[in-house]
Amino acid sequence: MAGSTEDTLATVQRFGDAFNAHDVDAIMALMTDDCVFEDTEPPPDGRRHVGQPAVRAAWTALFGGTPDATFEWEEITALEDRAVVRWRYSWAPDQPGAPGHVRGVDLLTVVDGKVSEKLSYVKG
């Protein structure tokens, strides 16, 4: 049986808060042991990371490469155990005064209060 929409929304919100804090330990505590993350690089398909060690390494590399980056979650929609999140990822590159951003969508699946799958897609 699928999880409740309310539980999914609560899990996804906690996940987003941990993500914006760049707190890899908190993010991983909110992911299943067999979690899957599909990132957006390189185009067109990105890379698939499976399991806690691989997904942790992906988050560590992301936050290490962009320590000042932020995710703004523009909209979260959920139905039972699935969620769709529209977001804007902003960073400040090495050149002062030249920040950049990209917009995208995540498709998430939540199982027993944890994110089991995060599939990311980017505009452009």
C-alpha atoms as a PDB file:
ATOM      1  CA  MET A   1       0.000   0.000   0.000  1.00  0.00           C
ATOM      2  CA  ALA A   2       1.250   3.475  -0.903  1.00  0.00           C
ATOM      3  CA  GLY A   3       2.104   5.979   1.821  1.00  0.00           C
ATOM      4  CA  SER A   4      -0.119   8.919   2.641  1.00  0.00           C
ATOM      5  CA  THR A   5       0.199  12.190   0.800  1.00  0.00           C
ATOM      6  CA  GLU A   6       0.689  14.065   4.091  1.00  0.00           C
ATOM      7  CA  ASP A   7       3.549  11.781   5.169  1.00  0.00           C
ATOM      8  CA  THR A   8       5.192  12.143   1.767  1.00  0.00           C
ATOM      9  CA  LEU A   9       4.962  15.945   1.916  1.00  0.00           C
ATOM     10  CA  ALA A  10       6.455  15.991   5.422  1.00  0.00           C
ATOM     11  CA  THR A  11       9.345  13.723   4.401  1.00  0.00           C
ATOM     12  CA  VAL A  12      10.071  15.746   1.264  1.00  0.00           C
ATOM     13  CA  GLN A  13      10.056  19.002   3.267  1.00  0.00           C
ATOM     14  CA  ARG A  14      12.537  17.582   5.812  1.00  0.00           C
ATOM     15  CA  PHE A  15      14.654  16.319   2.910  1.00  0.00           C
ATOM     16  CA  GLY A  16      14.624  19.792   1.318  1.00  0.00           C
ATOM     17  CA  ASP A  17      15.598  21.456   4.599  1.00  0.00           C
ATOM     18  CA  ALA A  18      18.546  19.080   5.000  1.00  0.00           C
ATOM     19  CA  PHE A  19      19.519  19.647   1.386  1.00  0.00           C
ATOM     20  CA  ASN A  20      19.564  23.428   1.760  1.00  0.00           C
ATOM     21  CA  ALA A  21      21.666  23.053   4.903  1.00  0.00           C
ATOM     22  CA  HIS A  22      24.141  20.925   2.869  1.00  0.00           C
ATOM     23  CA  ASP A  23      23.812  18.377   5.691  1.00  0.00           C
ATOM     24  CA  VAL A  24      24.806  15.123   4.000  1.00  0.00           C
ATOM     25  CA  ASP A  25      24.305  13.070   7.181  1.00  0.00           C
ATOM     26  CA  ALA A  26      20.732  14.385   7.586  1.00  0.00           C
ATOM     27  CA  ILE A  27      20.010  13.826   3.887  1.00  0.00           C
ATOM     28  CA  MET A  28      21.233  10.241   4.056  1.00  0.00           C
ATOM     29  CA  ALA A  29      19.231   9.590   7.245  1.00  0.00           C
ATOM     30  CA  LEU A  30      16.167  10.496   5.168  1.00  0.00           C
ATOM     31  CA  MET A  31      17.038   8.053   2.370  1.00  0.00           C
ATOM     32  CA  THR A  32      16.515   4.295   2.186  1.00  0.00           C
ATOM     33  CA  ASP A  33      19.469   1.894   2.174  1.00  0.00           C
ATOM     34  CA  ASP A  34      18.777   1.029  -1.481  1.00  0.00           C
ATOM     35  CA  CYS A  35      18.170   4.658  -2.525  1.00  0.00           C
ATOM     36  CA  VAL A  36      18.584   5.838  -6.100  1.00  0.00           C
ATOM     37  CA  PHE A  37      19.640   9.308  -7.274  1.00  0.00           C
ATOM     38  CA  GLU A  38      19.782  10.215 -10.949  1.00  0.00           C
ATOM     39  CA  ASP A  39      21.625  13.498 -11.436  1.00  0.00           C
ATOM     40  CA  THR A  40      21.603  15.834 -14.426  1.00  0.00           C
ATOM     41  CA  GLU A  41      25.209  15.645 -15.618  1.00  0.00           C
ATOM     42  CA  PRO A  42      26.370  14.821 -18.202  1.00  0.00           C
ATOM     43  CA  PRO A  43      23.512  15.550 -20.599  1.00  0.00           C
ATOM     44  CA  PRO A  44      21.312  14.116 -21.834  1.00  0.00           C
ATOM     45  CA  ASP A  45      20.842  11.345 -19.261  1.00  0.00           C
ATOM     46  CA  GLY A  46      22.989  12.157 -16.239  1.00  0.00           C
ATOM     47  CA  ARG A  47      24.439   9.527 -13.925  1.00  0.00           C
ATOM     48  CA  ARG A  48      22.624   6.956 -11.804  1.00  0.00           C
ATOM     49  CA  HIS A  49      23.842   6.505  -8.214  1.00  0.00           C
ATOM     50  CA  VAL A  50      22.502   3.459  -6.347  1.00  0.00           C
ATOM     51  CA  GLY A  51      22.779   2.742  -2.616  1.00  0.00           C
ATOM     52  CA  GLN A  52      23.810   4.813   0.385  1.00  0.00           C
ATOM     53  CA  PRO A  53      27.587   4.969  -0.347  1.00  0.00           C
ATOM     54  CA  ALA A  54      27.155   6.040  -3.992  1.00  0.00           C
ATOM     55  CA  VAL A  55      24.444   8.610  -3.255  1.00  0.00           C
ATOM     56  CA  ARG A  56      26.411  10.009  -0.297  1.00  0.00           C
ATOM     57  CA  ALA A  57      29.443  10.449  -2.585  1.00  0.00           C
ATOM     58  CA  ALA A  58      27.292  12.328  -5.109  1.00  0.00           C
ATOM     59  CA  TRP A  59      25.970  14.750  -2.455  1.00  0.00           C
ATOM     60  CA  THR A  60      29.447  15.253  -0.987  1.00  0.00           C
ATOM     61  CA  ALA A  61      30.832  16.127  -4.423  1.00  0.00           C
ATOM     62  CA  LEU A  62      27.921  18.457  -5.209  1.00  0.00           C
ATOM     63  CA  PHE A  63      28.179  20.447  -1.980  1.00  0.00           C
ATOM     64  CA  GLY A  64      31.983  20.423  -2.022  1.00  0.00           C
ATOM     65  CA  GLY A  65      32.010  21.929  -5.510  1.00  0.00           C
ATOM     66  CA  THR A  66      29.391  24.584  -4.746  1.00  0.00           C
ATOM     67  CA  PRO A  67      29.544  25.409  -1.023  1.00  0.00           C
ATOM     68  CA  ASP A  68      27.430  28.574  -1.346  1.00  0.00           C
ATOM     69  CA  ALA A  69      24.734  27.041  -3.536  1.00  0.00           C
ATOM     70  CA  THR A  70      21.074  27.114  -2.560  1.00  0.00           C
ATOM     71  CA  PHE A  71      17.994  25.246  -3.677  1.00  0.00           C
ATOM     72  CA  GLU A  72      14.743  27.164  -3.707  1.00  0.00           C
ATOM     73  CA  TRP A  73      11.805  24.799  -3.862  1.00  0.00           C
ATOM     74  CA  GLU A  74       9.245  26.641  -5.968  1.00  0.00           C
ATOM     75  CA  GLU A  75       6.461  24.068  -5.711  1.00  0.00           C
ATOM     76  CA  ILE A  76       5.897  20.663  -4.141  1.00  0.00           C
ATOM     77  CA  THR A  77       3.066  18.418  -5.300  1.00  0.00           C
ATOM     78  CA  ALA A  78       2.451  14.985  -3.813  1.00  0.00           C
ATOM     79  CA  LEU A  79       0.067  12.100  -4.258  1.00  0.00           C
ATOM     80  CA  GLU A  80       0.417   9.117  -1.957  1.00  0.00           C
ATOM     81  CA  ASP A  81       4.105   8.025  -2.077  1.00  0.00           C
ATOM     82  CA  ARG A  82       5.174  10.235  -5.008  1.00  0.00           C
ATOM     83  CA  ALA A  83       6.215  13.891  -5.105  1.00  0.00           C
ATOM     84  CA  VAL A  84       7.139  16.364  -7.798  1.00  0.00           C
ATOM     85  CA  VAL A  85       9.327  19.298  -6.786  1.00  0.00           C
ATOM     86  CA  ARG A  86      10.017  22.301  -9.015  1.00  0.00           C
ATOM     87  CA  TRP A  87      13.226  24.018  -7.938  1.00  0.00           C
ATOM     88  CA  ARG A  88      15.806  26.677  -8.711  1.00  0.00           C
ATOM     89  CA  TYR A  89      19.449  25.905  -7.959  1.00  0.00           C
ATOM     90  CA  SER A  90      21.604  29.041  -7.558  1.00  0.00           C
ATOM     91  CA  TRP A  91      25.343  29.334  -7.111  1.00  0.00           C
ATOM     92  CA  ALA A  92      28.052  31.985  -6.992  1.00  0.00           C
ATOM     93  CA  PRO A  93      30.859  31.068  -9.394  1.00  0.00           C
ATOM     94  CA  ASP A  94      34.475  32.075  -8.902  1.00  0.00           C
ATOM     95  CA  GLN A  95      33.864  35.444 -10.544  1.00  0.00           C
ATOM     96  CA  PRO A  96      32.279  37.885  -8.074  1.00  0.00           C
ATOM     97  CA  GLY A  97      29.048  39.443  -9.235  1.00  0.00           C
ATOM     98  CA  ALA A  98      28.309  36.673 -11.747  1.00  0.00           C
ATOM     99  CA  PRO A  99      25.993  34.254  -9.970  1.00  0.00           C
ATOM    100  CA  GLY A 100      24.188  31.639 -11.988  1.00  0.00           C
ATOM    101  CA  HIS A 101      21.195  29.388 -11.683  1.00  0.00           C
ATOM    102  CA  VAL A 102      19.345  26.534 -13.301  1.00  0.00           C
ATOM    103  CA  ARG A 103      15.748  25.409 -12.889  1.00  0.00           C
ATOM    104  CA  GLY A 104      14.559  21.843 -12.753  1.00  0.00           C
ATOM    105  CA  VAL A 105      12.221  19.193 -11.447  1.00  0.00           C
ATOM    106  CA  ASP A 106      12.719  16.240  -9.121  1.00  0.00           C
ATOM    107  CA  LEU A 107      10.522  13.165  -9.103  1.00  0.00           C
ATOM    108  CA  LEU A 108      10.680  11.543  -5.670  1.00  0.00           C
ATOM    109  CA  THR A 109       9.367   8.307  -4.227  1.00  0.00           C
ATOM    110  CA  VAL A 110       8.949   7.971  -0.459  1.00  0.00           C
ATOM    111  CA  VAL A 111       8.864   4.592   1.309  1.00  0.00           C
ATOM    112  CA  ASP A 112       8.253   4.314   5.059  1.00  0.00           C
ATOM    113  CA  GLY A 113       9.136   7.963   5.674  1.00  0.00           C
ATOM    114  CA  LYS A 114      12.337   7.948   3.609  1.00  0.00           C
ATOM    115  CA  VAL A 115      13.205   9.001   0.076  1.00  0.00           C
ATOM    116  CA  SER A 116      13.908   5.904  -1.979  1.00  0.00           C
ATOM    117  CA  GLU A 117      14.293   7.584  -5.359  1.00  0.00           C
ATOM    118  CA  LYS A 118      15.225  11.088  -6.517  1.00  0.00           C
ATOM    119  CA  LEU A 119      15.245  11.565 -10.273  1.00  0.00           C
ATOM    120  CA  SER A 120      16.416  15.033 -11.350  1.00  0.00           C
ATOM    121  CA  TYR A 121      15.709  16.859 -14.598  1.00  0.00           C
ATOM    122  CA  VAL A 122      16.972  20.302 -15.699  1.00  0.00           C
ATOM    123  CA  LYS A 123      15.627  22.890 -18.121  1.00  0.00           C
ATOM    124  CA  GLY A 124      17.882  23.848 -20.953  1.00  0.00           C
END
